C-alpha cells in the first residue's frame, strides 16, 4: 500500500543542491555591495552640496532686498494722501535696503468681496516679484512708520529677540478664545508675526517669512470658501478662523505686544502710540464716517518729516 507522504529529506543533500544555492548567494552579496556604494554616494553628494553654516545652497542674486514693504492703496484716496504714504514707505525701505510695493486694492479679482481682501494676493504678488527676499512686511495705508531706525530683522525677527517678545499661552482672539498660542516655540521656527488689539488679531501690520509655508498660508487664507463665507470683518475674521483651527498655521505664529508692531492712535492705553514706537496706525479712520484719515495723520506726518530731516 502506498501512502501520500512526501519522500523523506536526507540530511546529506546531493552535490547539485549545494551548487544551486551559490549563484543566489553571489547575487545577494553583489546587491548588498551595490546598495552600500549607492548609499555612500548619496551621503557624499549631500555633504558636499548641502547647506552649511557658512554658505547657502540657493544662490541669491546681488541686490536682492532684505524685505518688501507692502501697502495696498485704494484708488479713491487723494493723490496727496497716497503720495505721503508712498514717501513714508520708500524712505524706510531705502534706509534698510528693502523694496516698497504699492498695488491698488482693485488690482486683484475679488468679485463681490470687500477690497480689504486685496492685502492677501498683494503679499503673494510681492513674493512672486521678489522670490529671494526673506521677509514680507505688510502695513495698512492708515499707518505711518514713525521710527525708521528699527529694522524688521533686528526689531522683530531675530530669533532671540522674538523669543523675548512672544506672548505665549495666550488666547489667540481676546479675551477668552479657547485656542491659545503655543508655549514651546523657538524664534527661528516662527514664520508669521503680528499683534492683537482689544477686538482680535491686529492685521494692519504683520511680518511673514517668505517661503513655501508662506505660500500655503496665503493661499489658504484667500481660499474662495472663506471669501464666500461673509465674515463680518471679511479677511480679518477669516484670518482669526484659520489661525485658531489650523494647527499648521498656529504652530508658525508669534503674537507680540501691540506697540512693538502696530501702535494705535486711539484705543486702550496699552496699545496707544508713544514717541519712539515703530508704527502709528490710525486704525478705524476709514470705516468711521466721522473721521478723516488724512486730517488725523497730519500732525504725525509732520513729526515724521522732522525725524527724517534730522537724518540728512
Foldseek 3Di string as FASTA:
>chain_A
DDDPDDDDDDPDDDPVVVVVCVVVVVVVVVVVVVVVVVVVVVVVVCVVQPDDPVDHNDDADPLQAQEEEEEEAAPPDDPVLVVLLVVQVVVLCVVRSYHYYYHYLPPDPLDPFDSVLSVLVRQVVVCVVRVPHFKYKYAYSLKGFQASVDDCVPLDQPFVNPLVFFDFQAAQFPDDHPFTAHDDDTSVLAFKEFAAANGHTDPNIIMGTDDDVSVVVSCQLPPVVQRPPPDVVRSRVSVVVCCRPPPSNSNRYTYGQQQSIPAECDDDPSRHDDRPGRMYGPPPQVVDPVHDSVVVCVVSSVVSVVVVVVVD
